[in-house]
Each structure stands twice: as structure tokens, then as C-alpha cells.
Amino acid sequence: MILDKDIRWKQRFQNFRRAFSLLRQVLEERDIHSFSDLEQEGIIQRFEYTFELGWKTFKDYLDYSGIVIGEATPRKIIKECAARNIFAAAGINPETYMNMMLERNALSHTYDAERFKQALVRIQGQYLKELELQYEFFMNKELEEDA
């Protein structure tokens, strides 16, 4: 029997779970427009590292499932998860997940306050739901394997 600590996707999911919980907590706390500029930048940062852990959890899950991607990039992993119906099983919209990647890329090179505010609206209104679906998918996978 392989111990959970040896299963990479489960290790990565633990980190994703913590990051997602922190992001969800802050976004459910109050209206995003009530946060200071510094707090908004912190939310953007939380989104960026939650997304990073998210796509890497999918990469590790693909590896665990015997699907090895040569040079694993977020775009390749997203396309592979969509093609293998992993996103469909989780209820994740592949286009929205791809948009998260594009948003994350743009935010890391943008210092425009208006762009940040627009991104915060999308993070709260769209992306948080996709990340929650991912969270639920992997929670269910853990439960299935533990049963």
C-alpha cells in the first residue's frame, strides 16, 4: 500500500487546500471594493499562488494516473485535463480555467490599478467558483481512495 505522503498529488493538494481556504476566506469576508490597495494586492497574490498550486495538483494527478506530460506547462495541463474529461468530471469550465491562467500571467506583469480592480471582480465572481470545484473534486478523490 502506498502511503498518502508518497502520493505527490495528495501532497500538493494539501498545499492547494490551505491556499484556497485563505483566498476563499478573504473574498467571503467583505466586498472587494472595501479593501485597501495593499489588501487588494495581497488578494491578487493569493490568487496567483492558489492558481499555481491548482494547475500543479492537476499535473501531479495526471502523472499519478499514468498520463505523463513532457514539458508540463499550465496550458498543456489545462488542455490535457479538458481532453481527458477530468474538468468535465469536476464541473470545471476549461475556458474559464484557461482564462485564470491568462489573468495570472497578465497580473504578474501589470501594475495598473484599474486592471487589478477588474481582475479582483473576476477572481471573486468567476475564478473562485472554478477553484472551489477543483477543491471539491480532489476532496472527493481523497475520500474515494481512503474508502
C-alpha atoms as a PDB file:
ATOM      1  CA  MET A   1       0.000   0.000   0.000  1.00  0.00           C
ATOM      2  CA  ILE A   2       1.304   3.438  -0.931  1.00  0.00           C
ATOM      3  CA  LEU A   3       1.110   5.942   1.900  1.00  0.00           C
ATOM      4  CA  ASP A   4      -0.619   9.280   1.187  1.00  0.00           C
ATOM      5  CA  LYS A   5       2.615  11.094   1.952  1.00  0.00           C
ATOM      6  CA  ASP A   6       4.154   9.324  -1.044  1.00  0.00           C
ATOM      7  CA  ILE A   7       1.394  10.346  -3.444  1.00  0.00           C
ATOM      8  CA  ARG A   8       2.503  13.656  -4.911  1.00  0.00           C
ATOM      9  CA  TRP A   9      -0.941  14.943  -5.944  1.00  0.00           C
ATOM     10  CA  LYS A  10      -2.173  14.474  -2.379  1.00  0.00           C
ATOM     11  CA  GLN A  11       0.823  16.348  -1.011  1.00  0.00           C
ATOM     12  CA  ARG A  12       0.281  19.184  -3.460  1.00  0.00           C
ATOM     13  CA  PHE A  13      -3.457  19.163  -2.764  1.00  0.00           C
ATOM     14  CA  GLN A  14      -2.794  19.791   0.920  1.00  0.00           C
ATOM     15  CA  ASN A  15      -0.981  22.992  -0.032  1.00  0.00           C
ATOM     16  CA  PHE A  16      -3.697  23.910  -2.538  1.00  0.00           C
ATOM     17  CA  ARG A  17      -6.349  23.313   0.130  1.00  0.00           C
ATOM     18  CA  ARG A  18      -4.668  25.760   2.527  1.00  0.00           C
ATOM     19  CA  ALA A  19      -4.135  28.389  -0.178  1.00  0.00           C
ATOM     20  CA  PHE A  20      -7.696  28.054  -1.472  1.00  0.00           C
ATOM     21  CA  SER A  21      -9.120  28.318   2.042  1.00  0.00           C
ATOM     22  CA  LEU A  22      -7.212  31.551   2.644  1.00  0.00           C
ATOM     23  CA  LEU A  23      -8.355  33.008  -0.682  1.00  0.00           C
ATOM     24  CA  ARG A  24     -11.971  31.997  -0.118  1.00  0.00           C
ATOM     25  CA  GLN A  25     -11.927  33.341   3.426  1.00  0.00           C
ATOM     26  CA  VAL A  26     -10.768  36.806   2.402  1.00  0.00           C
ATOM     27  CA  LEU A  27     -13.165  37.012  -0.556  1.00  0.00           C
ATOM     28  CA  GLU A  28     -16.145  35.995   1.559  1.00  0.00           C
ATOM     29  CA  GLU A  29     -15.143  38.375   4.354  1.00  0.00           C
ATOM     30  CA  ARG A  30     -16.215  41.636   2.735  1.00  0.00           C
ATOM     31  CA  ASP A  31     -16.824  43.361  -0.549  1.00  0.00           C
ATOM     32  CA  ILE A  32     -13.601  43.540  -2.584  1.00  0.00           C
ATOM     33  CA  HIS A  33     -14.046  47.269  -3.154  1.00  0.00           C
ATOM     34  CA  SER A  34     -13.784  47.891   0.586  1.00  0.00           C
ATOM     35  CA  PHE A  35     -10.209  46.578   0.748  1.00  0.00           C
ATOM     36  CA  SER A  36      -7.261  48.956   0.694  1.00  0.00           C
ATOM     37  CA  ASP A  37      -4.901  48.925  -2.281  1.00  0.00           C
ATOM     38  CA  LEU A  38      -2.403  46.902  -0.263  1.00  0.00           C
ATOM     39  CA  GLU A  39      -5.069  44.360   0.727  1.00  0.00           C
ATOM     40  CA  GLN A  40      -6.193  44.090  -2.892  1.00  0.00           C
ATOM     41  CA  GLU A  41      -2.620  43.374  -3.952  1.00  0.00           C
ATOM     42  CA  GLY A  42      -2.497  40.667  -1.282  1.00  0.00           C
ATOM     43  CA  ILE A  43      -5.660  39.082  -2.681  1.00  0.00           C
ATOM     44  CA  ILE A  44      -4.124  39.114  -6.158  1.00  0.00           C
ATOM     45  CA  GLN A  45      -1.027  37.399  -4.743  1.00  0.00           C
ATOM     46  CA  ARG A  46      -3.172  34.769  -3.016  1.00  0.00           C
ATOM     47  CA  PHE A  47      -4.987  34.131  -6.281  1.00  0.00           C
ATOM     48  CA  GLU A  48      -1.686  33.735  -8.145  1.00  0.00           C
ATOM     49  CA  TYR A  49      -0.236  31.139  -5.794  1.00  0.00           C
ATOM     50  CA  THR A  50      -3.567  29.321  -5.428  1.00  0.00           C
ATOM     51  CA  PHE A  51      -3.760  29.018  -9.214  1.00  0.00           C
ATOM     52  CA  GLU A  52      -0.133  27.789  -9.328  1.00  0.00           C
ATOM     53  CA  LEU A  53      -0.865  25.076  -6.796  1.00  0.00           C
ATOM     54  CA  GLY A  54      -4.092  24.251  -8.637  1.00  0.00           C
ATOM     55  CA  TRP A  55      -2.632  23.507 -12.032  1.00  0.00           C
ATOM     56  CA  LYS A  56       0.309  21.689 -10.451  1.00  0.00           C
ATOM     57  CA  THR A  57      -2.097  19.494  -8.482  1.00  0.00           C
ATOM     58  CA  PHE A  58      -3.743  18.568 -11.779  1.00  0.00           C
ATOM     59  CA  LYS A  59      -0.301  17.850 -13.263  1.00  0.00           C
ATOM     60  CA  ASP A  60       0.557  15.549 -10.372  1.00  0.00           C
ATOM     61  CA  TYR A  61      -2.826  13.853 -10.642  1.00  0.00           C
ATOM     62  CA  LEU A  62      -2.220  13.206 -14.348  1.00  0.00           C
ATOM     63  CA  ASP A  63       1.199  11.742 -13.513  1.00  0.00           C
ATOM     64  CA  TYR A  64      -0.386   9.538 -10.828  1.00  0.00           C
ATOM     65  CA  SER A  65      -2.959   8.373 -13.389  1.00  0.00           C
ATOM     66  CA  GLY A  66      -0.183   7.335 -15.771  1.00  0.00           C
ATOM     67  CA  ILE A  67      -0.518  10.328 -18.080  1.00  0.00           C
ATOM     68  CA  VAL A  68       2.901  11.911 -18.326  1.00  0.00           C
ATOM     69  CA  ILE A  69       3.245  15.279 -19.997  1.00  0.00           C
ATOM     70  CA  GLY A  70       6.766  16.001 -21.265  1.00  0.00           C
ATOM     71  CA  GLU A  71       7.350  19.660 -20.557  1.00  0.00           C
ATOM     72  CA  ALA A  72       4.418  20.432 -18.298  1.00  0.00           C
ATOM     73  CA  THR A  73       3.122  23.957 -18.688  1.00  0.00           C
ATOM     74  CA  PRO A  74      -0.160  25.282 -17.321  1.00  0.00           C
ATOM     75  CA  ARG A  75      -1.591  25.485 -20.850  1.00  0.00           C
ATOM     76  CA  LYS A  76      -0.679  21.849 -21.632  1.00  0.00           C
ATOM     77  CA  ILE A  77      -2.082  20.615 -18.333  1.00  0.00           C
ATOM     78  CA  ILE A  78      -5.344  22.525 -18.816  1.00  0.00           C
ATOM     79  CA  LYS A  79      -5.745  21.144 -22.339  1.00  0.00           C
ATOM     80  CA  GLU A  80      -4.941  17.604 -21.187  1.00  0.00           C
ATOM     81  CA  CYS A  81      -7.420  17.779 -18.297  1.00  0.00           C
ATOM     82  CA  ALA A  82     -10.091  19.022 -20.686  1.00  0.00           C
ATOM     83  CA  ALA A  83      -9.279  16.333 -23.281  1.00  0.00           C
ATOM     84  CA  ARG A  84      -9.344  13.565 -20.652  1.00  0.00           C
ATOM     85  CA  ASN A  85     -12.681  14.805 -19.266  1.00  0.00           C
ATOM     86  CA  ILE A  86     -11.161  15.497 -15.863  1.00  0.00           C
ATOM     87  CA  PHE A  87     -12.539  19.029 -15.929  1.00  0.00           C
ATOM     88  CA  ALA A  88     -15.939  17.713 -17.012  1.00  0.00           C
ATOM     89  CA  ALA A  89     -15.934  15.257 -14.091  1.00  0.00           C
ATOM     90  CA  ALA A  90     -15.170  18.155 -11.746  1.00  0.00           C
ATOM     91  CA  GLY A  91     -17.678  20.517 -13.371  1.00  0.00           C
ATOM     92  CA  ILE A  92     -14.844  22.898 -14.274  1.00  0.00           C
ATOM     93  CA  ASN A  93     -15.193  25.076 -17.348  1.00  0.00           C
ATOM     94  CA  PRO A  94     -11.913  24.642 -19.302  1.00  0.00           C
ATOM     95  CA  GLU A  95     -12.275  28.079 -20.901  1.00  0.00           C
ATOM     96  CA  THR A  96     -12.630  29.757 -17.508  1.00  0.00           C
ATOM     97  CA  TYR A  97      -9.656  27.807 -16.165  1.00  0.00           C
ATOM     98  CA  MET A  98      -7.622  28.918 -19.187  1.00  0.00           C
ATOM     99  CA  ASN A  99      -8.741  32.499 -18.533  1.00  0.00           C
ATOM    100  CA  MET A 100      -7.453  32.158 -14.966  1.00  0.00           C
ATOM    101  CA  MET A 101      -4.045  31.255 -16.370  1.00  0.00           C
ATOM    102  CA  LEU A 102      -4.097  34.217 -18.739  1.00  0.00           C
ATOM    103  CA  GLU A 103      -5.206  36.515 -15.922  1.00  0.00           C
ATOM    104  CA  ARG A 104      -2.449  35.251 -13.651  1.00  0.00           C
ATOM    105  CA  ASN A 105       0.110  35.836 -16.425  1.00  0.00           C
ATOM    106  CA  ALA A 106      -1.157  39.341 -17.107  1.00  0.00           C
ATOM    107  CA  LEU A 107      -1.270  40.290 -13.437  1.00  0.00           C
ATOM    108  CA  SER A 108       2.333  39.332 -12.875  1.00  0.00           C
ATOM    109  CA  HIS A 109       3.327  41.946 -15.487  1.00  0.00           C
ATOM    110  CA  THR A 110       0.715  44.620 -14.823  1.00  0.00           C
ATOM    111  CA  TYR A 111       0.789  47.367 -12.251  1.00  0.00           C
ATOM    112  CA  ASP A 112      -2.337  49.192 -13.386  1.00  0.00           C
ATOM    113  CA  ALA A 113      -4.808  49.819 -10.552  1.00  0.00           C
ATOM    114  CA  GLU A 114      -7.850  49.586 -12.833  1.00  0.00           C
ATOM    115  CA  ARG A 115      -6.667  46.233 -14.236  1.00  0.00           C
ATOM    116  CA  PHE A 116      -6.245  44.962 -10.660  1.00  0.00           C
ATOM    117  CA  LYS A 117      -9.790  46.007  -9.765  1.00  0.00           C
ATOM    118  CA  GLN A 118     -11.225  44.287 -12.853  1.00  0.00           C
ATOM    119  CA  ALA A 119      -9.228  41.148 -12.035  1.00  0.00           C
ATOM    120  CA  LEU A 120     -10.498  41.176  -8.447  1.00  0.00           C
ATOM    121  CA  VAL A 121     -14.077  41.223  -9.721  1.00  0.00           C
ATOM    122  CA  ARG A 122     -13.355  38.191 -11.949  1.00  0.00           C
ATOM    123  CA  ILE A 123     -11.499  36.386  -9.164  1.00  0.00           C
ATOM    124  CA  GLN A 124     -14.440  36.814  -6.810  1.00  0.00           C
ATOM    125  CA  GLY A 125     -17.179  36.356  -9.421  1.00  0.00           C
ATOM    126  CA  GLN A 126     -15.795  33.564 -11.628  1.00  0.00           C
ATOM    127  CA  TYR A 127     -12.451  32.110 -10.674  1.00  0.00           C
ATOM    128  CA  LEU A 128     -13.207  31.364  -7.033  1.00  0.00           C
ATOM    129  CA  LYS A 129     -16.030  29.055  -8.160  1.00  0.00           C
ATOM    130  CA  GLU A 130     -13.719  27.127 -10.524  1.00  0.00           C
ATOM    131  CA  LEU A 131     -11.130  26.759  -7.774  1.00  0.00           C
ATOM    132  CA  GLU A 132     -13.872  25.562  -5.428  1.00  0.00           C
ATOM    133  CA  LEU A 133     -14.904  22.925  -7.971  1.00  0.00           C
ATOM    134  CA  GLN A 134     -11.281  21.793  -8.126  1.00  0.00           C
ATOM    135  CA  TYR A 135     -11.136  21.676  -4.334  1.00  0.00           C
ATOM    136  CA  GLU A 136     -14.291  19.529  -4.208  1.00  0.00           C
ATOM    137  CA  PHE A 137     -13.002  17.236  -6.972  1.00  0.00           C
ATOM    138  CA  PHE A 138      -9.807  16.444  -5.093  1.00  0.00           C
ATOM    139  CA  MET A 139     -11.585  16.161  -1.740  1.00  0.00           C
ATOM    140  CA  ASN A 140     -13.811  13.513  -3.344  1.00  0.00           C
ATOM    141  CA  LYS A 141     -10.797  11.758  -4.890  1.00  0.00           C
ATOM    142  CA  GLU A 142      -9.167  11.554  -1.456  1.00  0.00           C
ATOM    143  CA  LEU A 143     -12.358  10.127   0.046  1.00  0.00           C
ATOM    144  CA  GLU A 144     -12.676   7.561  -2.771  1.00  0.00           C
ATOM    145  CA  GLU A 145      -9.128   6.344  -2.266  1.00  0.00           C
ATOM    146  CA  ASP A 146      -9.475   6.211   1.504  1.00  0.00           C
ATOM    147  CA  ALA A 147     -12.670   4.108   1.266  1.00  0.00           C
END
